[in-house]
Amino acid sequence: MKRKKTDIIKSLQISSNDVGSTAIQIGLLSKKIENLSEHFKKFKKDKHSIVGLNKSVNKRKKLLAYLKRKDVTSYNKVIKELNLRK
């Protein structure tokens, strides 16, 4: 299911003015990773963009670890909302 950035922000924001919390950053990185994955289905030899994909995946991994340490309920909400894990 394709989701717009604004839908991701609205579903994960803590308050009405929230546009940069950890949960939203994870959501936007997930959207970017999804788009890059679709790109690689068409352009298998685009090695330069693979570097960007790896950086995005690692950054999301670090942010998820931080969120899990700081706020477990928010972490669980993000995992459920973005359908990231089992």
N, C-alpha and C. Protein backbone atom coordinates (compact mmCIF):
# COMPACT_ATOMS: atom_id res chain seq x y z
N MET A 1 0.84 -1.18 0.00
CA MET A 1 0.00 0.00 0.00
C MET A 1 0.89 1.24 0.00
N LYS A 2 0.71 2.08 -0.99
CA LYS A 2 1.48 3.31 -1.09
C LYS A 2 0.87 4.37 -0.17
N ARG A 3 1.71 4.97 0.64
CA ARG A 3 1.26 6.03 1.54
C ARG A 3 2.05 7.28 1.25
N LYS A 4 1.39 8.42 1.38
CA LYS A 4 2.05 9.70 1.19
C LYS A 4 2.79 10.09 2.46
N LYS A 5 3.74 11.01 2.30
CA LYS A 5 4.49 11.49 3.47
C LYS A 5 3.55 12.12 4.50
N THR A 6 2.57 12.87 4.03
CA THR A 6 1.67 13.54 4.97
C THR A 6 0.84 12.52 5.76
N ASP A 7 0.47 11.42 5.12
CA ASP A 7 -0.27 10.37 5.84
C ASP A 7 0.58 9.75 6.93
N ILE A 8 1.86 9.53 6.62
CA ILE A 8 2.78 8.95 7.60
C ILE A 8 2.95 9.90 8.78
N ILE A 9 3.14 11.18 8.47
CA ILE A 9 3.33 12.18 9.53
C ILE A 9 2.09 12.26 10.42
N LYS A 10 0.90 12.31 9.80
CA LYS A 10 -0.33 12.41 10.59
C LYS A 10 -0.56 11.20 11.47
N SER A 11 -0.20 10.01 10.98
CA SER A 11 -0.45 8.81 11.76
C SER A 11 0.52 8.65 12.93
N LEU A 12 1.71 9.25 12.83
CA LEU A 12 2.74 9.05 13.86
C LEU A 12 3.01 10.27 14.75
N GLN A 13 2.43 11.42 14.43
CA GLN A 13 2.77 12.62 15.19
C GLN A 13 2.19 12.58 16.60
N ILE A 14 2.96 13.17 17.51
CA ILE A 14 2.59 13.19 18.92
C ILE A 14 1.62 14.33 19.20
N SER A 15 1.91 15.51 18.64
CA SER A 15 1.02 16.65 18.77
C SER A 15 0.76 17.22 17.37
N SER A 16 -0.09 18.21 17.29
CA SER A 16 -0.45 18.74 15.97
C SER A 16 0.71 19.47 15.28
N ASN A 17 1.67 19.95 16.06
CA ASN A 17 2.82 20.66 15.48
C ASN A 17 4.04 19.77 15.26
N ASP A 18 3.94 18.49 15.59
CA ASP A 18 5.08 17.58 15.53
C ASP A 18 5.39 17.18 14.09
N VAL A 19 6.59 17.53 13.64
CA VAL A 19 7.02 17.14 12.29
C VAL A 19 8.42 16.51 12.28
N GLY A 20 9.05 16.36 13.44
CA GLY A 20 10.42 15.87 13.45
C GLY A 20 10.75 14.91 14.57
N SER A 21 9.74 14.34 15.21
CA SER A 21 10.04 13.42 16.31
C SER A 21 10.68 12.15 15.76
N THR A 22 11.19 11.33 16.64
CA THR A 22 11.86 10.10 16.25
C THR A 22 10.92 9.19 15.46
N ALA A 23 9.69 9.08 15.90
CA ALA A 23 8.72 8.22 15.22
C ALA A 23 8.49 8.68 13.78
N ILE A 24 8.38 9.96 13.58
CA ILE A 24 8.16 10.49 12.23
C ILE A 24 9.40 10.29 11.37
N GLN A 25 10.57 10.49 11.94
CA GLN A 25 11.81 10.25 11.18
C GLN A 25 11.89 8.80 10.73
N ILE A 26 11.50 7.87 11.60
CA ILE A 26 11.50 6.45 11.23
C ILE A 26 10.49 6.19 10.11
N GLY A 27 9.33 6.81 10.21
CA GLY A 27 8.31 6.64 9.17
C GLY A 27 8.76 7.16 7.82
N LEU A 28 9.40 8.32 7.81
CA LEU A 28 9.86 8.90 6.54
C LEU A 28 11.02 8.09 5.96
N LEU A 29 11.90 7.59 6.82
CA LEU A 29 12.97 6.73 6.34
C LEU A 29 12.41 5.43 5.75
N SER A 30 11.36 4.90 6.37
CA SER A 30 10.74 3.69 5.85
C SER A 30 10.15 3.94 4.46
N LYS A 31 9.56 5.10 4.28
CA LYS A 31 9.01 5.47 2.96
C LYS A 31 10.14 5.57 1.93
N LYS A 32 11.26 6.18 2.31
CA LYS A 32 12.41 6.31 1.43
C LYS A 32 12.98 4.94 1.06
N ILE A 33 13.07 4.06 2.05
CA ILE A 33 13.58 2.70 1.81
C ILE A 33 12.66 1.94 0.86
N GLU A 34 11.36 2.11 1.06
CA GLU A 34 10.38 1.46 0.18
C GLU A 34 10.53 1.95 -1.26
N ASN A 35 10.70 3.27 -1.43
CA ASN A 35 10.86 3.83 -2.77
C ASN A 35 12.14 3.35 -3.43
N LEU A 36 13.23 3.29 -2.67
CA LEU A 36 14.49 2.81 -3.23
C LEU A 36 14.41 1.33 -3.60
N SER A 37 13.70 0.55 -2.82
CA SER A 37 13.54 -0.86 -3.13
C SER A 37 12.80 -1.05 -4.45
N GLU A 38 11.77 -0.23 -4.67
CA GLU A 38 11.05 -0.27 -5.94
C GLU A 38 11.96 0.14 -7.09
N HIS A 39 12.81 1.12 -6.85
CA HIS A 39 13.76 1.60 -7.86
C HIS A 39 14.71 0.48 -8.27
N PHE A 40 15.16 -0.31 -7.32
CA PHE A 40 16.13 -1.36 -7.61
C PHE A 40 15.51 -2.54 -8.36
N LYS A 41 14.19 -2.66 -8.34
CA LYS A 41 13.55 -3.70 -9.14
C LYS A 41 13.69 -3.40 -10.63
N LYS A 42 13.73 -2.12 -10.98
CA LYS A 42 13.88 -1.71 -12.38
C LYS A 42 15.35 -1.56 -12.76
N PHE A 43 16.16 -0.99 -11.87
CA PHE A 43 17.55 -0.67 -12.17
C PHE A 43 18.48 -1.46 -11.24
N LYS A 44 18.74 -2.69 -11.61
CA LYS A 44 19.52 -3.59 -10.77
C LYS A 44 20.99 -3.18 -10.64
N LYS A 45 21.51 -2.46 -11.61
CA LYS A 45 22.93 -2.13 -11.62
C LYS A 45 23.24 -0.76 -11.02
N ASP A 46 22.28 -0.12 -10.41
CA ASP A 46 22.48 1.20 -9.81
C ASP A 46 23.18 1.04 -8.46
N LYS A 47 24.49 0.87 -8.51
CA LYS A 47 25.27 0.60 -7.30
C LYS A 47 25.41 1.85 -6.42
N HIS A 48 25.40 3.02 -7.01
CA HIS A 48 25.56 4.24 -6.23
C HIS A 48 24.39 4.43 -5.26
N SER A 49 23.19 4.14 -5.71
CA SER A 49 22.02 4.31 -4.85
C SER A 49 21.95 3.27 -3.74
N ILE A 50 22.64 2.14 -3.93
CA ILE A 50 22.66 1.12 -2.89
C ILE A 50 23.33 1.66 -1.63
N VAL A 51 24.32 2.53 -1.81
CA VAL A 51 24.99 3.15 -0.67
C VAL A 51 23.98 3.98 0.13
N GLY A 52 23.16 4.75 -0.57
CA GLY A 52 22.13 5.55 0.09
C GLY A 52 21.10 4.69 0.79
N LEU A 53 20.74 3.57 0.18
CA LEU A 53 19.79 2.65 0.80
C LEU A 53 20.36 2.08 2.09
N ASN A 54 21.62 1.66 2.04
CA ASN A 54 22.25 1.11 3.24
C ASN A 54 22.34 2.14 4.36
N LYS A 55 22.65 3.39 4.01
CA LYS A 55 22.71 4.45 5.02
C LYS A 55 21.34 4.66 5.65
N SER A 56 20.29 4.66 4.82
CA SER A 56 18.94 4.86 5.34
C SER A 56 18.51 3.72 6.25
N VAL A 57 18.83 2.49 5.86
CA VAL A 57 18.47 1.33 6.68
C VAL A 57 19.19 1.38 8.02
N ASN A 58 20.47 1.72 8.00
CA ASN A 58 21.24 1.79 9.24
C ASN A 58 20.75 2.92 10.15
N LYS A 59 20.41 4.06 9.56
CA LYS A 59 19.90 5.18 10.36
C LYS A 59 18.57 4.81 11.00
N ARG A 60 17.69 4.15 10.23
CA ARG A 60 16.40 3.72 10.79
C ARG A 60 16.61 2.73 11.91
N LYS A 61 17.57 1.82 11.75
CA LYS A 61 17.87 0.83 12.78
C LYS A 61 18.32 1.51 14.07
N LYS A 62 19.18 2.53 13.95
CA LYS A 62 19.65 3.26 15.12
C LYS A 62 18.52 4.02 15.80
N LEU A 63 17.66 4.65 14.99
CA LEU A 63 16.53 5.40 15.55
C LEU A 63 15.54 4.46 16.25
N LEU A 64 15.32 3.28 15.69
CA LEU A 64 14.44 2.31 16.34
C LEU A 64 15.02 1.85 17.68
N ALA A 65 16.32 1.63 17.73
CA ALA A 65 16.96 1.23 18.99
C ALA A 65 16.83 2.35 20.02
N TYR A 66 17.02 3.59 19.60
CA TYR A 66 16.88 4.73 20.51
C TYR A 66 15.45 4.83 21.03
N LEU A 67 14.49 4.70 20.13
CA LEU A 67 13.08 4.81 20.53
C LEU A 67 12.70 3.69 21.48
N LYS A 68 13.22 2.50 21.25
CA LYS A 68 12.92 1.37 22.13
C LYS A 68 13.48 1.60 23.53
N ARG A 69 14.67 2.23 23.60
CA ARG A 69 15.27 2.55 24.91
C ARG A 69 14.49 3.63 25.64
N LYS A 70 14.04 4.65 24.91
CA LYS A 70 13.44 5.81 25.56
C LYS A 70 11.94 5.69 25.80
N ASP A 71 11.19 5.10 24.84
CA ASP A 71 9.74 5.07 24.96
C ASP A 71 9.20 3.81 24.28
N VAL A 72 8.98 2.77 25.07
CA VAL A 72 8.58 1.47 24.52
C VAL A 72 7.19 1.53 23.89
N THR A 73 6.27 2.29 24.47
CA THR A 73 4.92 2.35 23.90
C THR A 73 4.94 3.00 22.52
N SER A 74 5.72 4.06 22.38
CA SER A 74 5.84 4.72 21.08
C SER A 74 6.52 3.79 20.08
N TYR A 75 7.52 3.05 20.54
CA TYR A 75 8.22 2.07 19.70
C TYR A 75 7.23 1.04 19.16
N ASN A 76 6.40 0.50 20.05
CA ASN A 76 5.42 -0.51 19.64
C ASN A 76 4.41 0.07 18.65
N LYS A 77 4.01 1.33 18.86
CA LYS A 77 3.08 1.98 17.95
C LYS A 77 3.69 2.12 16.56
N VAL A 78 4.96 2.53 16.50
CA VAL A 78 5.64 2.71 15.22
C VAL A 78 5.78 1.37 14.50
N ILE A 79 6.17 0.34 15.21
CA ILE A 79 6.32 -0.99 14.62
C ILE A 79 5.00 -1.48 14.04
N LYS A 80 3.93 -1.27 14.80
CA LYS A 80 2.61 -1.72 14.35
C LYS A 80 2.13 -0.88 13.17
N GLU A 81 2.28 0.43 13.25
CA GLU A 81 1.79 1.33 12.21
C GLU A 81 2.51 1.14 10.88
N LEU A 82 3.83 0.93 10.94
CA LEU A 82 4.63 0.80 9.71
C LEU A 82 4.78 -0.64 9.27
N ASN A 83 4.30 -1.59 10.10
CA ASN A 83 4.35 -3.00 9.77
C ASN A 83 5.79 -3.46 9.50
N LEU A 84 6.69 -3.14 10.44
CA LEU A 84 8.11 -3.40 10.23
C LEU A 84 8.55 -4.79 10.66
N ARG A 85 7.99 -5.30 11.72
CA ARG A 85 8.43 -6.60 12.23
C ARG A 85 7.26 -7.54 12.31
N LYS A 86 7.55 -8.74 12.79
CA LYS A 86 6.55 -9.80 12.91
C LYS A 86 5.32 -9.32 13.55
